[in-house]
Amino acid sequence: MSLAMDWISAPAGPLRGELVVPGDKSVSHRAMMLAALADGTSRIRGFLEGEDTRATAEAFARMGVRIEAPSPGERVVHGVGLHGLAAPARPLDCGNSGTGMRLLAGLLAGQAFDATLVGDASLSRRPMGRVIEPLTAMGAHIASEPGGLPPLRIRGGRKLQGIAYAPPVASAQVKSAILLAGLYAEGETAVRELRPTRDYTERMLGAFGWPVACGPGWARLAGGGRLRATDVEVPADFSSAAFFLVAATLVPGSELRLRSVGLHPRRTGLLAVLRRMGADIREEAPRDQGGEPVADLIVRHARLTGIDVPEALVADMIDEFPALFVAAAVARGATTIRGAEELRVKESDRIAVMARGLRALGVRIEERPDGATIEGGALGGGRVDSAGDHRCAMAFAMAGLIAETEVRIADCTNVATSFPGFIDLANGCGFALRTIAE
């Protein structure tokens, strides 16, 4: 078990340099899953070497898939076909990954064998009823702890039927779980959403040769097909780039270039919001990489002004809100966030964690069930608690750059789940960040 780790982030001068952030976590998860179920051998380049994605790879290895790692960020996956997985000898550990657990629940619902999905303490508090309900309607049998909490015990040998489903929450993970179960179902499986969410699963299925009809807010597919092995180039993760976009915007004199960042249209809500607030972020060398739009992002320091965040953009930036909270804390005027209740059930209650932390640094913030109003001003130093949430920890590290004195951030160990090497990369461009093992 890893030691608990605190960070200390100190005020710093201009951030400069050219960075390559790790590969996209969402794409890495899905590429590994579909490559494992494909006919033939797939090569994944840019695979995120984080604990979450490694947990997904390990789950498939325990189900008989041979996976090679010839170099960091590269995986060669020898697919076993849609019906070639073997029963695991023990529970499959998803670690801290809600994406891994929800998508695996969909894939495992149609297998011939029983399987159990477990996770760490944080994941064990995250709601899984939102995937259990539609999968059960398709014919799956999934037992959970009271309230739909993990572990998930999935009974094999169930005959699945396609359904038409409208999730009560806008969630790409829920949509993906249903579509992946639909690969094993008789007939057509269709999902229609309250608001459009990210279509990584639909794109990835298409890349592996499975016919999918889709558009903003809807997708459908028929079961009974096969997946064909393909090579995948994983773009740099926009959610990881977000911390450096905000940090360089806030620290006077800064200029950073972030290379080959994925700019999936359902992922870049933060980019639109920062620009509305006055950020200076340019895109250069736009191109296509493995079916995903990418570009280099050049960000320079700019003074920000608070805004009302459009609710239409909330789903497209749900993972980036911790970074936005810090940007709003030093913007001129107030920033209001509404329609973001999904933040309550992430790796932590991100509204509460960010509100408590920013108050500890002297920020005036009014918390609401679905968001907050943040009054911009100066940040003092002090102690904050990330509650074991990797994105909150990295957001508070940015706050330390522009605070009056050092910021000590508790419980940062889980940053390794999504951004291994964050400290080295951050310090390499000008952060003053150090660790303290507890």
Protein backbone atom coordinates (compact mmCIF):
# COMPACT_ATOMS: atom_id res chain seq x y z
CA MET A 1 0.00 0.00 0.00
CA SER A 2 1.29 3.48 -0.90
CA LEU A 3 2.24 5.89 1.86
CA ALA A 4 -0.04 8.87 2.31
CA MET A 5 1.54 11.85 0.61
CA ASP A 6 1.13 15.59 1.12
CA TRP A 7 2.34 18.26 -1.27
CA ILE A 8 3.61 21.75 -0.60
CA SER A 9 3.09 24.21 -3.44
CA ALA A 10 4.92 27.52 -3.14
CA PRO A 11 4.55 30.82 -5.03
CA ALA A 12 6.55 30.72 -8.27
CA GLY A 13 7.68 32.93 -11.11
CA PRO A 14 6.74 32.64 -14.79
CA LEU A 15 6.03 29.20 -16.23
CA ARG A 16 7.91 28.53 -19.46
CA GLY A 17 8.62 25.66 -21.79
CA GLU A 18 7.15 22.99 -24.05
CA LEU A 19 5.28 20.09 -22.46
CA VAL A 20 3.85 16.75 -23.48
CA VAL A 21 1.23 15.61 -20.97
CA PRO A 22 0.27 11.92 -20.63
CA GLY A 23 -2.10 10.13 -22.99
CA ASP A 24 -5.85 10.52 -22.78
CA LYS A 25 -7.29 8.34 -20.04
CA SER A 26 -10.70 7.89 -21.67
CA VAL A 27 -9.16 6.78 -24.97
CA SER A 28 -6.63 4.52 -23.20
CA HIS A 29 -9.34 2.65 -21.28
CA ARG A 30 -11.47 2.07 -24.34
CA ALA A 31 -8.61 1.15 -26.64
CA MET A 32 -7.46 -1.51 -24.16
CA MET A 33 -10.96 -2.96 -23.77
CA LEU A 34 -11.78 -3.22 -27.46
CA ALA A 35 -8.30 -4.43 -28.41
CA ALA A 36 -8.70 -7.25 -25.89
CA LEU A 37 -12.01 -8.29 -27.47
CA ALA A 38 -10.89 -7.91 -31.08
CA ASP A 39 -9.78 -10.58 -33.50
CA GLY A 40 -6.04 -10.14 -34.02
CA THR A 41 -3.26 -8.03 -32.54
CA SER A 42 -3.57 -4.29 -31.83
CA ARG A 43 -0.83 -1.84 -30.95
CA ILE A 44 -1.67 1.13 -28.70
CA ARG A 45 0.76 4.06 -28.65
CA GLY A 46 0.46 6.89 -26.14
CA PHE A 47 -1.24 4.60 -23.60
CA LEU A 48 -1.57 6.38 -20.25
CA GLU A 49 0.82 4.83 -17.72
CA GLY A 50 -1.52 5.65 -14.84
CA GLU A 51 -2.86 3.38 -12.14
CA ASP A 52 -6.43 3.54 -13.49
CA THR A 53 -5.56 2.40 -17.00
CA ARG A 54 -3.08 -0.17 -15.77
CA ALA A 55 -5.85 -1.61 -13.59
CA THR A 56 -8.01 -2.03 -16.70
CA ALA A 57 -5.15 -3.76 -18.53
CA GLU A 58 -4.54 -6.03 -15.55
CA ALA A 59 -8.23 -6.99 -15.46
CA PHE A 60 -8.02 -8.26 -19.04
CA ALA A 61 -4.74 -10.02 -18.36
CA ARG A 62 -6.49 -11.90 -15.55
CA MET A 63 -9.15 -12.92 -18.10
CA GLY A 64 -6.58 -14.49 -20.40
CA VAL A 65 -5.55 -11.64 -22.70
CA ARG A 66 -1.83 -11.46 -23.51
CA ILE A 67 -0.64 -7.85 -23.25
CA GLU A 68 2.94 -6.77 -23.94
CA ALA A 69 4.56 -3.46 -22.99
CA PRO A 70 7.59 -3.06 -25.28
CA SER A 71 8.16 0.53 -24.13
CA PRO A 72 6.54 3.11 -21.82
CA GLY A 73 3.22 4.28 -23.25
CA GLU A 74 3.01 1.34 -25.66
CA ARG A 75 0.92 -1.82 -25.44
CA VAL A 76 0.63 -4.75 -27.84
CA VAL A 77 -2.69 -6.50 -27.18
CA HIS A 78 -3.35 -9.98 -28.52
CA GLY A 79 -7.12 -9.98 -28.78
CA VAL A 80 -9.13 -13.08 -27.90
CA GLY A 81 -12.30 -12.20 -29.76
CA LEU A 82 -15.66 -11.13 -28.42
CA HIS A 83 -16.31 -14.48 -26.69
CA GLY A 84 -12.74 -15.45 -25.84
CA LEU A 85 -12.35 -14.10 -22.30
CA ALA A 86 -11.70 -16.60 -19.51
CA ALA A 87 -13.19 -16.56 -16.03
CA PRO A 88 -10.92 -14.66 -13.60
CA ALA A 89 -9.69 -16.60 -10.58
CA ARG A 90 -10.39 -13.72 -8.21
CA PRO A 91 -12.15 -10.33 -8.15
CA LEU A 92 -11.04 -7.77 -10.74
CA ASP A 93 -9.64 -4.69 -9.02
CA CYS A 94 -10.54 -1.42 -10.76
CA GLY A 95 -8.54 0.65 -8.27
CA ASN A 96 -9.78 4.24 -8.28
CA SER A 97 -11.37 4.09 -11.73
CA GLY A 98 -15.08 4.72 -12.11
CA THR A 99 -14.66 4.56 -15.88
CA GLY A 100 -13.03 1.15 -15.64
CA MET A 101 -15.69 -0.29 -13.34
CA ARG A 102 -18.72 1.04 -15.22
CA LEU A 103 -17.46 0.04 -18.66
CA LEU A 104 -16.31 -3.37 -17.45
CA ALA A 105 -19.76 -3.92 -15.92
CA GLY A 106 -21.24 -3.51 -19.40
CA LEU A 107 -18.74 -5.83 -21.05
CA LEU A 108 -18.98 -8.49 -18.36
CA ALA A 109 -22.78 -8.51 -18.27
CA GLY A 110 -22.86 -10.69 -21.40
CA GLN A 111 -20.05 -13.14 -20.55
CA ALA A 112 -20.54 -16.84 -19.86
CA PHE A 113 -18.75 -16.64 -16.49
CA ASP A 114 -19.28 -14.92 -13.15
CA ALA A 115 -17.07 -11.95 -12.23
CA THR A 116 -16.73 -9.52 -9.34
CA LEU A 117 -15.54 -5.91 -9.70
CA VAL A 118 -13.93 -4.23 -6.69
CA GLY A 119 -12.19 -0.91 -6.13
CA ASP A 120 -10.41 1.21 -3.56
CA ALA A 121 -12.13 3.05 -0.71
CA SER A 122 -13.01 6.04 -2.91
CA LEU A 123 -14.44 3.97 -5.76
CA SER A 124 -16.40 1.87 -3.26
CA ARG A 125 -18.39 5.01 -2.39
CA ARG A 126 -19.30 5.87 -5.98
CA PRO A 127 -22.81 5.14 -7.33
CA MET A 128 -23.11 2.21 -9.70
CA GLY A 129 -26.89 2.00 -9.71
CA ARG A 130 -26.93 4.21 -12.78
CA VAL A 131 -25.36 1.36 -14.80
CA ILE A 132 -26.92 -1.54 -12.87
CA GLU A 133 -30.44 -0.36 -13.75
CA PRO A 134 -30.13 -0.35 -17.57
CA LEU A 135 -27.95 -3.46 -17.63
CA THR A 136 -30.56 -5.28 -15.54
CA ALA A 137 -33.23 -4.14 -18.01
CA MET A 138 -31.15 -5.84 -20.72
CA GLY A 139 -31.20 -9.11 -18.75
CA ALA A 140 -28.00 -8.84 -16.71
CA HIS A 141 -27.83 -9.99 -13.10
CA ILE A 142 -25.66 -7.65 -11.00
CA ALA A 143 -25.60 -7.62 -7.21
CA SER A 144 -24.13 -4.71 -5.27
CA GLU A 145 -23.92 -3.29 -1.79
CA PRO A 146 -26.88 -1.22 -0.51
CA GLY A 147 -27.35 1.95 -2.53
CA GLY A 148 -25.82 0.42 -5.65
CA LEU A 149 -22.27 0.64 -4.30
CA PRO A 150 -19.36 -1.66 -5.23
CA PRO A 151 -18.35 -4.43 -5.18
CA LEU A 152 -20.37 -5.50 -8.22
CA ARG A 153 -21.03 -9.23 -8.51
CA ILE A 154 -21.98 -10.06 -12.08
CA ARG A 155 -23.55 -13.42 -12.86
CA GLY A 156 -22.54 -14.98 -16.14
CA GLY A 157 -24.56 -16.94 -18.67
CA ARG A 158 -27.30 -14.33 -19.00
CA LYS A 159 -29.00 -13.73 -22.33
CA LEU A 160 -29.05 -10.00 -23.07
CA GLN A 161 -31.66 -8.15 -25.12
CA GLY A 162 -31.16 -4.78 -26.74
CA ILE A 163 -33.07 -1.87 -25.23
CA ALA A 164 -33.82 1.77 -25.96
CA TYR A 165 -32.73 3.74 -22.92
CA ALA A 166 -32.74 7.39 -21.87
CA PRO A 167 -30.33 7.80 -18.92
CA PRO A 168 -31.61 10.14 -16.18
CA VAL A 169 -28.11 11.66 -15.92
CA ALA A 170 -25.88 12.82 -18.76
CA SER A 171 -22.96 10.42 -18.45
CA ALA A 172 -20.63 9.06 -21.11
CA GLN A 173 -19.78 6.20 -18.74
CA VAL A 174 -23.41 5.10 -18.46
CA LYS A 175 -23.91 5.38 -22.21
CA SER A 176 -20.73 3.41 -22.83
CA ALA A 177 -21.67 0.61 -20.43
CA ILE A 178 -24.98 0.15 -22.22
CA LEU A 179 -23.41 0.17 -25.69
CA LEU A 180 -20.71 -2.29 -24.66
CA ALA A 181 -23.34 -4.64 -23.24
CA GLY A 182 -25.16 -4.17 -26.55
CA LEU A 183 -22.29 -5.93 -28.33
CA TYR A 184 -23.53 -9.13 -26.67
CA ALA A 185 -27.27 -8.44 -26.92
CA GLU A 186 -29.87 -9.68 -29.36
CA GLY A 187 -31.33 -6.91 -31.48
CA GLU A 188 -30.61 -3.20 -31.33
CA THR A 189 -29.39 -1.21 -28.34
CA ALA A 190 -30.04 2.54 -28.38
CA VAL A 191 -29.23 5.38 -25.99
CA ARG A 192 -30.71 8.87 -26.10
CA GLU A 193 -29.27 11.41 -23.66
CA LEU A 194 -30.57 14.46 -21.83
CA ARG A 195 -27.49 16.33 -23.08
CA PRO A 196 -24.82 15.17 -25.51
CA THR A 197 -21.82 13.55 -23.84
CA ARG A 198 -18.43 12.46 -25.13
CA ASP A 199 -18.55 9.90 -27.92
CA TYR A 200 -15.21 8.16 -27.31
CA THR A 201 -16.85 4.73 -27.20
CA GLU A 202 -18.73 5.26 -30.44
CA ARG A 203 -15.59 6.48 -32.19
CA MET A 204 -13.50 3.63 -30.83
CA LEU A 205 -16.07 1.00 -31.80
CA GLY A 206 -16.05 2.40 -35.32
CA ALA A 207 -12.25 2.26 -35.41
CA PHE A 208 -12.42 -1.43 -34.47
CA GLY A 209 -14.91 -2.11 -37.26
CA TRP A 210 -18.22 -2.29 -35.38
CA PRO A 211 -21.06 -0.41 -37.13
CA VAL A 212 -22.44 2.35 -34.91
CA ALA A 213 -25.01 4.98 -35.81
CA CYS A 214 -24.63 8.09 -33.68
CA GLY A 215 -24.99 11.82 -33.41
CA PRO A 216 -25.00 14.45 -30.66
CA GLY A 217 -26.93 12.91 -27.77
CA TRP A 218 -27.80 9.55 -29.33
CA ALA A 219 -26.21 6.28 -30.41
CA ARG A 220 -27.36 2.84 -31.47
CA LEU A 221 -25.82 -0.43 -32.53
CA ALA A 222 -26.82 -4.05 -33.13
CA GLY A 223 -25.28 -7.06 -31.43
CA GLY A 224 -23.77 -10.09 -33.09
CA GLY A 225 -20.79 -8.54 -34.84
CA ARG A 226 -17.03 -8.84 -34.46
CA LEU A 227 -14.26 -6.42 -33.60
CA ARG A 228 -11.21 -6.20 -35.85
CA ALA A 229 -7.77 -5.43 -34.41
CA THR A 230 -6.41 -1.98 -35.21
CA ASP A 231 -3.60 0.32 -34.12
CA VAL A 232 -4.51 3.28 -31.90
CA GLU A 233 -2.64 6.56 -31.40
CA VAL A 234 -3.77 8.04 -28.07
CA PRO A 235 -3.69 11.88 -28.00
CA ALA A 236 -2.45 13.86 -25.00
CA ASP A 237 -5.14 14.13 -22.33
CA PHE A 238 -6.99 17.47 -22.33
CA SER A 239 -7.91 17.01 -18.66
CA SER A 240 -4.22 16.77 -17.78
CA ALA A 241 -3.36 19.72 -20.02
CA ALA A 242 -6.07 21.77 -18.27
CA PHE A 243 -3.99 22.27 -15.14
CA PHE A 244 -1.14 23.80 -17.13
CA LEU A 245 -3.52 25.92 -19.23
CA VAL A 246 -4.93 27.45 -16.06
CA ALA A 247 -1.58 27.72 -14.27
CA ALA A 248 0.09 29.60 -17.15
CA THR A 249 -2.95 31.85 -17.46
CA LEU A 250 -2.73 32.82 -13.79
CA VAL A 251 1.03 33.26 -13.28
CA PRO A 252 2.29 36.61 -14.67
CA GLY A 253 4.87 36.38 -17.46
CA SER A 254 4.07 32.75 -18.31
CA GLU A 255 4.03 31.13 -21.75
CA LEU A 256 3.68 27.38 -22.31
CA ARG A 257 3.27 25.20 -25.38
CA LEU A 258 1.38 21.94 -24.82
CA ARG A 259 2.00 19.46 -27.62
CA SER A 260 -0.56 17.27 -29.41
CA VAL A 261 -3.47 17.83 -27.02
CA GLY A 262 -6.69 16.00 -27.80
CA LEU A 263 -9.44 18.47 -28.67
CA HIS A 264 -12.47 16.21 -28.82
CA PRO A 265 -15.45 18.57 -29.29
CA ARG A 266 -17.25 17.12 -26.25
CA ARG A 267 -14.17 17.56 -24.08
CA THR A 268 -13.10 21.17 -24.46
CA GLY A 269 -15.75 23.10 -22.53
CA LEU A 270 -13.04 24.51 -20.26
CA LEU A 271 -11.26 25.98 -23.26
CA ALA A 272 -14.42 27.86 -24.25
CA VAL A 273 -15.04 29.04 -20.68
CA LEU A 274 -11.47 30.25 -20.13
CA ARG A 275 -11.60 32.21 -23.37
CA ARG A 276 -14.87 33.83 -22.30
CA MET A 277 -13.09 34.84 -19.09
CA GLY A 278 -10.28 36.45 -21.11
CA ALA A 279 -7.63 33.71 -21.40
CA ASP A 280 -5.01 33.89 -24.16
CA ILE A 281 -4.90 30.36 -25.58
CA ARG A 282 -4.07 29.67 -29.25
CA GLU A 283 -4.28 26.47 -31.25
CA GLU A 284 -1.51 25.62 -33.69
CA ALA A 285 -0.93 22.73 -36.11
CA PRO A 286 -4.43 21.24 -35.91
CA ARG A 287 -4.49 17.66 -37.19
CA ASP A 288 -6.11 14.26 -36.85
CA GLN A 289 -4.45 11.60 -34.70
CA GLY A 290 -6.00 8.16 -34.55
CA GLY A 291 -9.42 9.52 -35.39
CA GLU A 292 -9.24 12.28 -32.75
CA PRO A 293 -8.66 16.00 -33.43
CA VAL A 294 -5.45 17.30 -31.82
CA ALA A 295 -3.47 20.54 -31.83
CA ASP A 296 -0.64 22.27 -30.00
CA LEU A 297 -1.95 24.76 -27.43
CA ILE A 298 0.00 27.94 -26.68
CA VAL A 299 -1.10 29.69 -23.49
CA ARG A 300 0.09 33.04 -22.12
CA HIS A 301 -0.70 34.87 -18.91
CA ALA A 302 -3.92 36.89 -18.99
CA ARG A 303 -6.17 38.59 -16.44
CA LEU A 304 -9.47 36.78 -16.09
CA THR A 305 -12.94 38.12 -15.43
CA GLY A 306 -15.65 36.09 -13.70
CA ILE A 307 -18.62 34.87 -15.75
CA ASP A 308 -21.76 32.80 -15.44
CA VAL A 309 -20.62 29.43 -16.81
CA PRO A 310 -23.10 28.36 -19.53
CA GLU A 311 -24.90 25.20 -18.44
CA ALA A 312 -24.64 23.93 -22.01
CA LEU A 313 -20.88 23.57 -21.48
CA VAL A 314 -21.00 21.78 -18.12
CA ALA A 315 -21.03 18.20 -19.48
CA ASP A 316 -18.11 19.09 -21.78
CA MET A 317 -15.87 20.12 -18.87
CA ILE A 318 -17.05 17.98 -15.98
CA ASP A 319 -13.54 16.71 -15.18
CA GLU A 320 -11.97 20.17 -15.41
CA PHE A 321 -14.06 21.98 -12.79
CA PRO A 322 -11.43 21.76 -10.01
CA ALA A 323 -9.07 23.74 -12.27
CA LEU A 324 -11.83 26.22 -13.09
CA PHE A 325 -12.57 26.76 -9.38
CA VAL A 326 -8.99 28.00 -8.92
CA ALA A 327 -9.18 30.23 -12.00
CA ALA A 328 -12.43 31.72 -10.70
CA ALA A 329 -10.88 32.32 -7.27
CA VAL A 330 -8.49 34.94 -8.70
CA ALA A 331 -10.65 36.34 -11.52
CA ARG A 332 -12.12 39.84 -11.28
CA GLY A 333 -15.69 39.61 -10.02
CA ALA A 334 -17.83 36.54 -9.48
CA THR A 335 -18.03 33.25 -11.36
CA THR A 336 -21.25 31.25 -11.07
CA ILE A 337 -21.51 27.53 -11.79
CA ARG A 338 -24.89 25.80 -12.14
CA GLY A 339 -26.04 22.43 -13.41
CA ALA A 340 -22.91 20.62 -12.19
CA GLU A 341 -24.43 18.30 -9.57
CA GLU A 342 -22.50 15.41 -11.15
CA LEU A 343 -19.43 16.83 -9.38
CA ARG A 344 -20.90 15.56 -6.11
CA VAL A 345 -20.32 11.91 -7.09
CA LYS A 346 -16.86 11.98 -8.63
CA GLU A 347 -13.73 10.63 -6.87
CA SER A 348 -14.84 13.01 -4.14
CA ASP A 349 -17.62 15.54 -3.72
CA ARG A 350 -15.64 18.01 -5.80
CA ILE A 351 -17.90 20.97 -5.07
CA ALA A 352 -17.49 20.50 -1.32
CA VAL A 353 -13.76 19.69 -1.47
CA MET A 354 -12.89 22.69 -3.64
CA ALA A 355 -15.16 25.01 -1.62
CA ARG A 356 -13.59 23.97 1.70
CA GLY A 357 -10.09 24.30 0.33
CA LEU A 358 -10.60 27.69 -1.27
CA ARG A 359 -12.26 29.04 1.89
CA ALA A 360 -9.18 27.93 3.81
CA LEU A 361 -7.16 30.10 1.42
CA GLY A 362 -9.40 33.12 2.02
CA VAL A 363 -11.81 32.86 -0.92
CA ARG A 364 -15.47 33.80 -0.56
CA ILE A 365 -17.54 31.00 -2.05
CA GLU A 366 -21.24 30.18 -1.83
CA GLU A 367 -21.84 26.48 -2.32
CA ARG A 368 -25.08 25.12 -3.84
CA PRO A 369 -26.28 21.59 -4.58
CA ASP A 370 -25.46 21.93 -8.28
CA GLY A 371 -22.52 24.35 -8.20
CA ALA A 372 -21.20 27.47 -6.54
CA THR A 373 -20.62 31.21 -6.82
CA ILE A 374 -16.95 32.12 -6.37
CA GLU A 375 -15.84 35.68 -5.60
CA GLY A 376 -12.45 36.36 -7.13
CA GLY A 377 -9.67 37.94 -5.11
CA ALA A 378 -6.27 37.21 -3.62
CA LEU A 379 -5.31 33.75 -2.31
CA GLY A 380 -3.66 33.38 1.05
CA GLY A 381 -1.58 30.35 1.99
CA GLY A 382 -2.60 27.58 4.33
CA ARG A 383 -3.60 23.94 4.54
CA VAL A 384 -6.15 22.23 2.31
CA ASP A 385 -7.32 18.64 1.92
CA SER A 386 -7.70 17.04 -1.51
CA ALA A 387 -9.79 14.20 0.00
CA GLY A 388 -7.74 11.73 -2.03
CA ASP A 389 -9.02 13.24 -5.28
CA HIS A 390 -6.29 13.52 -7.92
CA ARG A 391 -7.87 16.44 -9.78
CA CYS A 392 -8.48 18.45 -6.62
CA ALA A 393 -4.87 17.86 -5.55
CA MET A 394 -3.51 19.17 -8.86
CA ALA A 395 -5.89 22.14 -8.77
CA PHE A 396 -4.66 23.15 -5.30
CA ALA A 397 -1.08 22.82 -6.58
CA MET A 398 -1.93 25.58 -9.07
CA ALA A 399 -3.37 27.70 -6.29
CA GLY A 400 -0.03 27.53 -4.47
CA LEU A 401 1.69 29.21 -7.43
CA ILE A 402 -0.24 32.43 -6.92
CA ALA A 403 -0.93 32.34 -3.18
CA GLU A 404 0.66 34.77 -0.74
CA THR A 405 2.46 31.91 1.06
CA GLU A 406 2.84 28.16 0.70
CA VAL A 407 -0.16 25.87 0.35
CA ARG A 408 0.05 22.44 1.97
CA ILE A 409 -2.18 19.89 0.24
CA ALA A 410 -3.13 16.72 2.10
CA ASP A 411 -3.73 13.26 0.61
CA CYS A 412 -2.21 13.54 -2.88
CA THR A 413 -1.21 9.91 -3.45
CA ASN A 414 -3.99 9.25 -5.98
CA VAL A 415 -2.54 11.68 -8.54
CA ALA A 416 -0.72 8.61 -9.87
CA THR A 417 -4.09 7.25 -11.04
CA SER A 418 -4.33 9.78 -13.87
CA PHE A 419 -1.09 11.77 -14.12
CA PRO A 420 2.07 9.87 -13.27
CA GLY A 421 5.05 12.22 -13.34
CA PHE A 422 2.99 15.33 -12.64
CA ILE A 423 5.45 16.77 -10.13
CA ASP A 424 8.47 16.38 -12.39
CA LEU A 425 6.66 17.89 -15.37
CA ALA A 426 5.27 20.74 -13.26
CA ASN A 427 8.60 21.61 -11.66
CA GLY A 428 10.28 21.39 -15.04
CA CYS A 429 8.25 24.34 -16.31
CA GLY A 430 8.51 26.48 -13.16
CA PHE A 431 6.29 25.13 -10.38
CA ALA A 432 7.73 25.03 -6.85
CA LEU A 433 6.17 21.76 -5.73
CA ARG A 434 7.53 19.21 -3.29
CA THR A 435 6.26 16.13 -1.50
CA ILE A 436 6.10 15.08 2.13
CA ALA A 437 5.41 11.41 2.88
CA GLU A 438 3.25 10.88 5.95
